[in-house]
Amino acid sequence: MTAQPAKPQGGSRRHSQKTQDEVARSLERELQFLTEERQERALRLGLDFAAKTPKTDH
């Protein structure tokens, strides 16, 4: 019995891209959550967090 070589097909590529997009959105939400959490912690400690981090737009 011979194994078939793995060939990405159109549907697989679409599914893969959709999965990558979902992972990217999830990571962005997690990063935003961690950023907000860090800012809140800095405020509680009396640090001026906003002055130390440059604002970047992507």
Protein backbone atom coordinates (compact mmCIF):
# COMPACT_ATOMS: atom_id res chain seq x y z
CA MET A 1 0.00 0.00 0.00
CA THR A 2 1.40 3.38 -1.00
CA ALA A 3 0.79 6.58 0.90
CA GLN A 4 -0.48 9.49 -1.14
CA PRO A 5 1.70 12.60 -1.00
CA ALA A 6 0.11 15.48 0.86
CA LYS A 7 -0.99 18.05 -1.67
CA PRO A 8 -2.70 21.21 -0.52
CA GLN A 9 -5.97 21.63 -2.34
CA GLY A 10 -7.99 24.80 -2.85
CA GLY A 11 -10.33 24.03 0.03
CA SER A 12 -7.44 23.26 2.35
CA ARG A 13 -5.69 26.51 1.52
CA ARG A 14 -8.87 28.48 2.14
CA HIS A 15 -9.40 26.67 5.41
CA SER A 16 -5.78 27.26 6.38
CA GLN A 17 -6.06 31.00 5.63
CA LYS A 18 -9.28 31.22 7.63
CA THR A 19 -7.62 29.45 10.55
CA GLN A 20 -4.61 31.76 10.36
CA ASP A 21 -6.91 34.80 10.37
CA GLU A 22 -8.76 33.48 13.42
CA VAL A 23 -5.47 32.85 15.25
CA ALA A 24 -4.24 36.35 14.34
CA ARG A 25 -7.44 37.94 15.69
CA SER A 26 -7.20 35.88 18.86
CA LEU A 27 -3.59 36.93 19.40
CA GLU A 28 -4.49 40.58 18.80
CA ARG A 29 -7.26 40.37 21.41
CA GLU A 30 -4.89 38.71 23.88
CA LEU A 31 -2.22 41.34 23.27
CA GLN A 32 -4.76 44.14 23.74
CA PHE A 33 -5.96 42.54 26.97
CA LEU A 34 -2.41 42.23 28.31
CA THR A 35 -1.63 45.82 27.32
CA GLU A 36 -4.71 47.12 29.15
CA GLU A 37 -3.90 44.97 32.17
CA ARG A 38 -0.34 46.33 32.27
CA GLN A 39 -1.57 49.92 31.95
CA GLU A 40 -4.04 49.43 34.82
CA ARG A 41 -1.29 47.92 36.96
CA ALA A 42 1.00 50.84 36.16
CA LEU A 43 -1.72 53.30 37.15
CA ARG A 44 -2.24 51.49 40.45
CA LEU A 45 1.49 51.71 41.11
CA GLY A 46 1.49 55.41 40.25
CA LEU A 47 3.51 55.09 37.05
CA ASP A 48 2.83 57.18 33.97
CA PHE A 49 2.68 54.24 31.57
CA ALA A 50 1.37 56.20 28.57
CA ALA A 51 4.35 58.57 28.56
CA LYS A 52 6.81 55.67 28.32
CA THR A 53 5.33 53.77 25.40
CA PRO A 54 5.25 55.25 21.91
CA LYS A 55 1.90 55.05 20.17
CA THR A 56 2.11 53.04 16.96
CA ASP A 57 -0.59 52.62 14.36
CA HIS A 58 -0.46 49.62 12.06
